[in-house]
Amino acid sequence: MAASFNLPPNVSVGAAVSAIQQAAKDLHLPASIATSFQGSEQAFQNSLSSTPILILAALIAVYFILGILYESTIHPIAIISTLPPAGLGALLTLMLFGMPLDVIGIIRIILLIGIVKKNGIVGGLLVSQLLTLFTTPVIYIYMDRFAASVLARPK
């Protein structure tokens, strides 16, 4: 048996899926009955499972590009350290405006990785800029000292 649903106005797919999962849980279905999603929701769940890998790949790509630009293996870490505050700001902004962390929200956060370096727009940049005014110079100094101490060691 299959059941389908349409979204009411101003309701996200994530909220609808949560409501359906809670309703299925409240029914106390026997273990022999399995539930699953099809169509766009199944594609959404599949895309969420690969998102952390995509974000890690984006961070590695950014690290290599910055390493090439700055001709350093240490200094890109100081620059990449600005990304967690930006991500936190983006998540807080989504929560503040009641927006779901859906595919569009994830795309926004991935784009934020590039945008944060350009001092563009998004809610995450406000928090990122405020926090990185303090953290980036400190991390840069520590990374520079670390690199100097590693290079100064006798072999």
N, C-alpha and C. Protein backbone atom coordinates (compact mmCIF):
# COMPACT_ATOMS: atom_id res chain seq x y z
N MET A 1 0.84 -1.17 0.00
CA MET A 1 0.00 0.00 0.00
C MET A 1 0.89 1.24 0.00
N ALA A 2 0.50 2.25 -0.71
CA ALA A 2 1.26 3.49 -0.79
C ALA A 2 0.36 4.65 -0.39
N ALA A 3 0.96 5.61 0.25
CA ALA A 3 0.25 6.83 0.63
C ALA A 3 1.05 8.01 0.10
N SER A 4 0.37 9.05 -0.29
CA SER A 4 1.07 10.24 -0.77
C SER A 4 0.52 11.46 -0.04
N PHE A 5 1.24 12.56 -0.16
CA PHE A 5 0.78 13.78 0.49
C PHE A 5 1.24 14.99 -0.32
N ASN A 6 0.51 16.06 -0.16
CA ASN A 6 0.88 17.35 -0.73
C ASN A 6 1.20 18.29 0.43
N LEU A 7 2.13 19.19 0.18
CA LEU A 7 2.50 20.12 1.23
C LEU A 7 1.50 21.26 1.33
N PRO A 8 1.07 21.59 2.56
CA PRO A 8 0.25 22.79 2.72
C PRO A 8 1.11 24.03 2.47
N PRO A 9 0.52 25.17 2.24
CA PRO A 9 1.30 26.40 2.02
C PRO A 9 2.19 26.70 3.22
N ASN A 10 3.39 27.17 2.95
CA ASN A 10 4.36 27.59 3.96
C ASN A 10 4.82 26.47 4.90
N VAL A 11 4.77 25.22 4.43
CA VAL A 11 5.28 24.10 5.21
C VAL A 11 6.41 23.45 4.41
N SER A 12 7.55 23.27 5.06
CA SER A 12 8.70 22.68 4.37
C SER A 12 8.55 21.17 4.28
N VAL A 13 9.30 20.59 3.36
CA VAL A 13 9.31 19.13 3.21
C VAL A 13 9.81 18.49 4.50
N GLY A 14 10.84 19.08 5.10
CA GLY A 14 11.40 18.53 6.33
C GLY A 14 10.38 18.48 7.46
N ALA A 15 9.58 19.54 7.60
CA ALA A 15 8.54 19.57 8.64
C ALA A 15 7.47 18.53 8.36
N ALA A 16 7.09 18.38 7.09
CA ALA A 16 6.08 17.38 6.73
C ALA A 16 6.59 15.97 7.00
N VAL A 17 7.84 15.72 6.65
CA VAL A 17 8.42 14.39 6.88
C VAL A 17 8.49 14.10 8.37
N SER A 18 8.87 15.09 9.17
CA SER A 18 8.92 14.89 10.62
C SER A 18 7.54 14.56 11.17
N ALA A 19 6.52 15.26 10.69
CA ALA A 19 5.16 14.99 11.14
C ALA A 19 4.71 13.59 10.74
N ILE A 20 5.06 13.16 9.54
CA ILE A 20 4.69 11.81 9.08
C ILE A 20 5.42 10.75 9.89
N GLN A 21 6.70 10.97 10.15
CA GLN A 21 7.47 10.01 10.94
C GLN A 21 6.92 9.91 12.36
N GLN A 22 6.52 11.05 12.94
CA GLN A 22 5.95 11.04 14.28
C GLN A 22 4.61 10.31 14.28
N ALA A 23 3.80 10.53 13.24
CA ALA A 23 2.50 9.85 13.15
C ALA A 23 2.70 8.34 13.03
N ALA A 24 3.69 7.91 12.24
CA ALA A 24 3.97 6.48 12.10
C ALA A 24 4.44 5.89 13.43
N LYS A 25 5.22 6.67 14.17
CA LYS A 25 5.71 6.21 15.47
C LYS A 25 4.54 6.07 16.46
N ASP A 26 3.59 7.03 16.40
CA ASP A 26 2.43 7.01 17.29
C ASP A 26 1.49 5.84 17.00
N LEU A 27 1.53 5.33 15.77
CA LEU A 27 0.68 4.19 15.40
C LEU A 27 1.18 2.87 15.98
N HIS A 28 2.44 2.84 16.42
CA HIS A 28 3.05 1.61 16.96
C HIS A 28 2.89 0.44 15.99
N LEU A 29 3.37 0.66 14.77
CA LEU A 29 3.28 -0.36 13.73
C LEU A 29 4.12 -1.57 14.10
N PRO A 30 3.67 -2.76 13.73
CA PRO A 30 4.49 -3.95 13.99
C PRO A 30 5.78 -3.91 13.17
N ALA A 31 6.78 -4.64 13.63
CA ALA A 31 8.09 -4.64 12.98
C ALA A 31 8.02 -5.18 11.54
N SER A 32 6.99 -5.94 11.23
CA SER A 32 6.88 -6.50 9.88
C SER A 32 6.42 -5.46 8.86
N ILE A 33 5.98 -4.30 9.30
CA ILE A 33 5.56 -3.24 8.39
C ILE A 33 6.67 -2.20 8.32
N ALA A 34 7.14 -1.98 7.11
CA ALA A 34 8.22 -1.02 6.91
C ALA A 34 7.68 0.23 6.22
N THR A 35 8.23 1.36 6.58
CA THR A 35 7.84 2.62 5.93
C THR A 35 9.07 3.21 5.25
N SER A 36 8.83 3.86 4.14
CA SER A 36 9.92 4.54 3.43
C SER A 36 9.32 5.65 2.58
N PHE A 37 10.19 6.56 2.18
CA PHE A 37 9.78 7.66 1.32
C PHE A 37 10.25 7.39 -0.09
N GLN A 38 9.52 7.93 -1.04
CA GLN A 38 9.85 7.81 -2.45
C GLN A 38 9.93 9.20 -3.06
N GLY A 39 10.38 9.27 -4.26
CA GLY A 39 10.36 10.53 -5.00
C GLY A 39 11.34 11.55 -4.48
N SER A 40 10.88 12.80 -4.39
CA SER A 40 11.77 13.90 -4.04
C SER A 40 12.29 13.78 -2.61
N GLU A 41 11.48 13.25 -1.70
CA GLU A 41 11.95 13.09 -0.32
C GLU A 41 13.05 12.04 -0.22
N GLN A 42 12.93 10.98 -0.97
CA GLN A 42 14.00 9.97 -0.97
C GLN A 42 15.28 10.56 -1.54
N ALA A 43 15.16 11.35 -2.59
CA ALA A 43 16.33 12.01 -3.17
C ALA A 43 16.94 12.99 -2.17
N PHE A 44 16.09 13.70 -1.41
CA PHE A 44 16.57 14.63 -0.40
C PHE A 44 17.34 13.89 0.70
N GLN A 45 16.80 12.79 1.18
CA GLN A 45 17.48 12.03 2.22
C GLN A 45 18.80 11.46 1.71
N ASN A 46 18.82 11.00 0.45
CA ASN A 46 20.07 10.50 -0.13
C ASN A 46 21.11 11.61 -0.24
N SER A 47 20.66 12.82 -0.61
CA SER A 47 21.60 13.93 -0.75
C SER A 47 22.15 14.36 0.61
N LEU A 48 21.34 14.27 1.66
CA LEU A 48 21.81 14.64 3.00
C LEU A 48 22.90 13.70 3.49
N SER A 49 22.84 12.44 3.08
CA SER A 49 23.84 11.49 3.55
C SER A 49 25.23 11.78 2.97
N SER A 50 25.28 12.41 1.80
CA SER A 50 26.58 12.71 1.20
C SER A 50 27.05 14.14 1.46
N THR A 51 26.24 14.94 2.14
CA THR A 51 26.59 16.34 2.37
C THR A 51 27.88 16.51 3.17
N PRO A 52 28.09 15.79 4.29
CA PRO A 52 29.35 15.98 5.01
C PRO A 52 30.59 15.70 4.15
N ILE A 53 30.50 14.71 3.28
CA ILE A 53 31.63 14.40 2.40
C ILE A 53 31.86 15.55 1.42
N LEU A 54 30.78 16.13 0.91
CA LEU A 54 30.91 17.25 -0.02
C LEU A 54 31.51 18.48 0.67
N ILE A 55 31.09 18.74 1.90
CA ILE A 55 31.65 19.88 2.63
C ILE A 55 33.13 19.65 2.91
N LEU A 56 33.50 18.44 3.29
CA LEU A 56 34.91 18.13 3.53
C LEU A 56 35.72 18.29 2.24
N ALA A 57 35.18 17.84 1.13
CA ALA A 57 35.87 17.99 -0.16
C ALA A 57 36.03 19.46 -0.51
N ALA A 58 35.00 20.28 -0.24
CA ALA A 58 35.10 21.72 -0.50
C ALA A 58 36.17 22.36 0.37
N LEU A 59 36.23 21.97 1.63
CA LEU A 59 37.26 22.51 2.52
C LEU A 59 38.66 22.13 2.08
N ILE A 60 38.83 20.90 1.64
CA ILE A 60 40.14 20.45 1.15
C ILE A 60 40.52 21.23 -0.11
N ALA A 61 39.55 21.42 -1.00
CA ALA A 61 39.83 22.20 -2.22
C ALA A 61 40.21 23.63 -1.88
N VAL A 62 39.48 24.25 -0.95
CA VAL A 62 39.80 25.61 -0.52
C VAL A 62 41.19 25.66 0.09
N TYR A 63 41.53 24.66 0.91
CA TYR A 63 42.86 24.61 1.54
C TYR A 63 43.96 24.56 0.47
N PHE A 64 43.80 23.70 -0.52
CA PHE A 64 44.82 23.58 -1.56
C PHE A 64 44.94 24.86 -2.38
N ILE A 65 43.82 25.46 -2.72
CA ILE A 65 43.87 26.70 -3.50
C ILE A 65 44.55 27.80 -2.70
N LEU A 66 44.17 27.93 -1.43
CA LEU A 66 44.82 28.94 -0.59
C LEU A 66 46.30 28.63 -0.40
N GLY A 67 46.63 27.36 -0.27
CA GLY A 67 48.03 26.98 -0.14
C GLY A 67 48.85 27.38 -1.36
N ILE A 68 48.26 27.22 -2.52
CA ILE A 68 48.95 27.62 -3.75
C ILE A 68 49.07 29.15 -3.82
N LEU A 69 47.99 29.85 -3.47
CA LEU A 69 48.01 31.31 -3.53
C LEU A 69 49.01 31.92 -2.55
N TYR A 70 49.05 31.38 -1.33
CA TYR A 70 49.94 31.94 -0.31
C TYR A 70 51.29 31.24 -0.24
N GLU A 71 51.46 30.21 -1.04
CA GLU A 71 52.70 29.44 -1.06
C GLU A 71 53.09 29.01 0.35
N SER A 72 52.12 28.48 1.07
CA SER A 72 52.31 28.06 2.45
C SER A 72 51.36 26.91 2.76
N THR A 73 51.79 26.04 3.64
CA THR A 73 50.89 24.97 4.08
C THR A 73 50.24 25.30 5.41
N ILE A 74 50.75 26.31 6.11
CA ILE A 74 50.24 26.67 7.43
C ILE A 74 49.22 27.81 7.35
N HIS A 75 49.48 28.84 6.58
CA HIS A 75 48.62 30.03 6.57
C HIS A 75 47.20 29.76 6.10
N PRO A 76 46.96 28.83 5.19
CA PRO A 76 45.56 28.56 4.83
C PRO A 76 44.71 28.07 6.01
N ILE A 77 45.34 27.44 6.99
CA ILE A 77 44.58 26.98 8.16
C ILE A 77 44.02 28.17 8.92
N ALA A 78 44.79 29.23 9.03
CA ALA A 78 44.30 30.43 9.70
C ALA A 78 43.11 31.01 8.97
N ILE A 79 43.14 30.98 7.66
CA ILE A 79 42.04 31.53 6.87
C ILE A 79 40.82 30.62 6.94
N ILE A 80 41.04 29.32 6.88
CA ILE A 80 39.93 28.36 6.96
C ILE A 80 39.27 28.40 8.34
N SER A 81 40.01 28.85 9.34
CA SER A 81 39.44 28.93 10.69
C SER A 81 38.28 29.92 10.76
N THR A 82 38.10 30.75 9.74
CA THR A 82 36.97 31.69 9.72
C THR A 82 35.67 31.00 9.33
N LEU A 83 35.74 29.80 8.81
CA LEU A 83 34.53 29.13 8.32
C LEU A 83 33.59 28.65 9.42
N PRO A 84 34.07 28.07 10.52
CA PRO A 84 33.10 27.66 11.56
C PRO A 84 32.23 28.80 12.09
N PRO A 85 32.79 29.99 12.37
CA PRO A 85 31.89 31.07 12.80
C PRO A 85 30.88 31.45 11.71
N ALA A 86 31.29 31.38 10.45
CA ALA A 86 30.37 31.69 9.37
C ALA A 86 29.25 30.66 9.30
N GLY A 87 29.61 29.38 9.44
CA GLY A 87 28.59 28.32 9.44
C GLY A 87 27.64 28.46 10.61
N LEU A 88 28.19 28.78 11.78
CA LEU A 88 27.36 29.00 12.96
C LEU A 88 26.40 30.15 12.73
N GLY A 89 26.91 31.23 12.17
CA GLY A 89 26.04 32.37 11.88
C GLY A 89 24.95 32.02 10.88
N ALA A 90 25.30 31.22 9.88
CA ALA A 90 24.30 30.81 8.89
C ALA A 90 23.21 29.95 9.53
N LEU A 91 23.61 29.01 10.38
CA LEU A 91 22.62 28.16 11.06
C LEU A 91 21.74 28.98 12.00
N LEU A 92 22.35 29.92 12.73
CA LEU A 92 21.56 30.77 13.62
C LEU A 92 20.59 31.65 12.84
N THR A 93 21.01 32.13 11.68
CA THR A 93 20.13 32.95 10.85
C THR A 93 18.97 32.13 10.31
N LEU A 94 19.24 30.89 9.89
CA LEU A 94 18.15 30.02 9.45
C LEU A 94 17.14 29.81 10.58
N MET A 95 17.66 29.56 11.79
CA MET A 95 16.78 29.35 12.94
C MET A 95 16.02 30.63 13.28
N LEU A 96 16.69 31.77 13.23
CA LEU A 96 16.07 33.05 13.57
C LEU A 96 14.88 33.36 12.67
N PHE A 97 15.01 33.05 11.39
CA PHE A 97 13.93 33.34 10.45
C PHE A 97 13.01 32.14 10.22
N GLY A 98 13.20 31.07 10.99
CA GLY A 98 12.32 29.90 10.89
C GLY A 98 12.45 29.15 9.59
N MET A 99 13.61 29.21 8.97
CA MET A 99 13.82 28.53 7.70
C MET A 99 14.41 27.14 7.98
N PRO A 100 14.00 26.14 7.22
CA PRO A 100 14.51 24.79 7.45
C PRO A 100 15.91 24.60 6.86
N LEU A 101 16.63 23.65 7.40
CA LEU A 101 17.92 23.26 6.82
C LEU A 101 17.63 22.21 5.76
N ASP A 102 17.18 22.68 4.62
CA ASP A 102 16.85 21.79 3.51
C ASP A 102 17.95 21.88 2.46
N VAL A 103 17.67 21.37 1.29
CA VAL A 103 18.69 21.37 0.23
C VAL A 103 19.15 22.79 -0.08
N ILE A 104 18.22 23.72 -0.15
CA ILE A 104 18.57 25.11 -0.43
C ILE A 104 19.43 25.67 0.70
N GLY A 105 19.09 25.36 1.94
CA GLY A 105 19.90 25.82 3.07
C GLY A 105 21.30 25.25 3.04
N ILE A 106 21.44 24.01 2.68
CA ILE A 106 22.76 23.38 2.59
C ILE A 106 23.57 24.00 1.45
N ILE A 107 22.91 24.26 0.33
CA ILE A 107 23.60 24.92 -0.79
C ILE A 107 24.08 26.30 -0.35
N ARG A 108 23.24 27.00 0.41
CA ARG A 108 23.64 28.32 0.90
C ARG A 108 24.89 28.23 1.78
N ILE A 109 24.94 27.24 2.64
CA ILE A 109 26.10 27.09 3.53
C ILE A 109 27.35 26.72 2.72
N ILE A 110 27.20 25.86 1.73
CA ILE A 110 28.35 25.51 0.88
C ILE A 110 28.84 26.75 0.12
N LEU A 111 27.91 27.54 -0.39
CA LEU A 111 28.30 28.78 -1.07
C LEU A 111 28.95 29.76 -0.10
N LEU A 112 28.54 29.71 1.14
CA LEU A 112 29.11 30.59 2.15
C LEU A 112 30.61 30.35 2.32
N ILE A 113 31.06 29.12 2.10
CA ILE A 113 32.49 28.82 2.18
C ILE A 113 33.26 29.73 1.24
N GLY A 114 32.75 29.94 0.05
CA GLY A 114 33.42 30.83 -0.89
C GLY A 114 33.13 32.29 -0.62
N ILE A 115 31.91 32.60 -0.24
CA ILE A 115 31.52 33.99 -0.05
C ILE A 115 32.22 34.62 1.14
N VAL A 116 32.45 33.84 2.20
CA VAL A 116 33.05 34.40 3.40
C VAL A 116 34.43 35.00 3.11
N LYS A 117 35.09 34.50 2.10
CA LYS A 117 36.40 35.02 1.73
C LYS A 117 36.29 36.31 0.93
N LYS A 118 35.16 36.62 0.44
CA LYS A 118 34.98 37.81 -0.40
C LYS A 118 34.28 38.95 0.36
N ASN A 119 33.98 38.75 1.65
CA ASN A 119 33.27 39.76 2.44
C ASN A 119 32.00 40.23 1.74
N GLY A 120 31.23 39.24 1.29
CA GLY A 120 29.98 39.54 0.61
C GLY A 120 28.85 39.75 1.59
N ILE A 121 27.62 39.09 1.28
CA ILE A 121 26.42 39.23 2.11
C ILE A 121 26.05 37.86 2.68
N VAL A 122 25.17 37.48 3.46
CA VAL A 122 24.55 36.38 4.17
C VAL A 122 24.64 36.60 5.67
N GLY A 123 23.66 36.06 6.44
CA GLY A 123 23.65 36.23 7.90
C GLY A 123 24.88 35.67 8.56
N GLY A 124 25.51 34.64 8.00
CA GLY A 124 26.70 34.05 8.59
C GLY A 124 27.90 34.97 8.57
N LEU A 125 27.96 35.89 7.64
CA LEU A 125 29.10 36.79 7.56
C LEU A 125 29.13 37.79 8.70
N LEU A 126 27.98 38.17 9.21
CA LEU A 126 27.95 39.11 10.31
C LEU A 126 28.67 38.51 11.52
N VAL A 127 28.30 37.30 11.89
CA VAL A 127 28.96 36.63 13.01
C VAL A 127 30.41 36.33 12.66
N SER A 128 30.64 35.87 11.44
CA SER A 128 32.00 35.54 11.02
C SER A 128 32.92 36.74 11.10
N GLN A 129 32.47 37.87 10.62
CA GLN A 129 33.32 39.06 10.63
C GLN A 129 33.60 39.52 12.04
N LEU A 130 32.60 39.48 12.91
CA LEU A 130 32.83 39.90 14.28
C LEU A 130 33.81 38.98 15.01
N LEU A 131 33.62 37.67 14.84
CA LEU A 131 34.50 36.73 15.54
C LEU A 131 35.89 36.65 14.93
N THR A 132 35.97 36.73 13.61
CA THR A 132 37.28 36.58 12.97
C THR A 132 38.17 37.80 13.16
N LEU A 133 37.60 38.93 13.52
CA LEU A 133 38.44 40.08 13.85
C LEU A 133 39.37 39.75 15.03
N PHE A 134 38.91 38.84 15.87
CA PHE A 134 39.69 38.46 17.04
C PHE A 134 40.44 37.15 16.84
N THR A 135 39.82 36.18 16.18
CA THR A 135 40.44 34.86 16.11
C THR A 135 41.48 34.71 15.02
N THR A 136 41.26 35.30 13.85
CA THR A 136 42.19 35.11 12.74
C THR A 136 43.60 35.60 13.05
N PRO A 137 43.79 36.79 13.61
CA PRO A 137 45.17 37.21 13.92
C PRO A 137 45.85 36.29 14.94
N VAL A 138 45.10 35.84 15.93
CA VAL A 138 45.68 34.96 16.95
C VAL A 138 46.09 33.63 16.33
N ILE A 139 45.21 33.04 15.53
CA ILE A 139 45.52 31.76 14.89
C ILE A 139 46.69 31.93 13.92
N TYR A 140 46.72 33.04 13.20
CA TYR A 140 47.82 33.30 12.27
C TYR A 140 49.15 33.36 13.01
N ILE A 141 49.19 34.05 14.13
CA ILE A 141 50.43 34.16 14.91
C ILE A 141 50.87 32.80 15.41
N TYR A 142 49.93 32.01 15.95
CA TYR A 142 50.29 30.68 16.44
C TYR A 142 50.77 29.76 15.33
N MET A 143 50.12 29.82 14.17
CA MET A 143 50.54 28.99 13.04
C MET A 143 51.92 29.43 12.54
N ASP A 144 52.17 30.74 12.53
CA ASP A 144 53.47 31.25 12.10
C ASP A 144 54.57 30.81 13.06
N ARG A 145 54.30 30.89 14.37
CA ARG A 145 55.27 30.43 15.37
C ARG A 145 55.50 28.93 15.27
N PHE A 146 54.41 28.19 15.04
CA PHE A 146 54.54 26.73 14.90
C PHE A 146 55.41 26.38 13.70
N ALA A 147 55.15 27.05 12.58
CA ALA A 147 55.95 26.80 11.37
C ALA A 147 57.41 27.15 11.61
N ALA A 148 57.66 28.25 12.29
CA ALA A 148 59.04 28.64 12.57
C ALA A 148 59.72 27.65 13.49
N SER A 149 59.00 27.14 14.48
CA SER A 149 59.62 26.18 15.40
C SER A 149 59.88 24.84 14.71
N VAL A 150 59.03 24.44 13.79
CA VAL A 150 59.26 23.19 13.07
C VAL A 150 60.44 23.32 12.13
N LEU A 151 60.53 24.47 11.45
CA LEU A 151 61.63 24.68 10.51
C LEU A 151 62.95 24.93 11.22
N ALA A 152 62.92 25.43 12.48
CA ALA A 152 64.14 25.76 13.21
C ALA A 152 64.75 24.54 13.91
N ARG A 153 64.03 23.45 13.99
CA ARG A 153 64.53 22.25 14.67
C ARG A 153 65.70 21.63 13.91
N PRO A 154 66.75 21.27 14.63
CA PRO A 154 67.84 20.57 13.94
C PRO A 154 67.42 19.14 13.58
N LYS A 155 67.95 18.66 12.49
CA LYS A 155 67.56 17.32 12.03
C LYS A 155 68.61 16.32 12.32
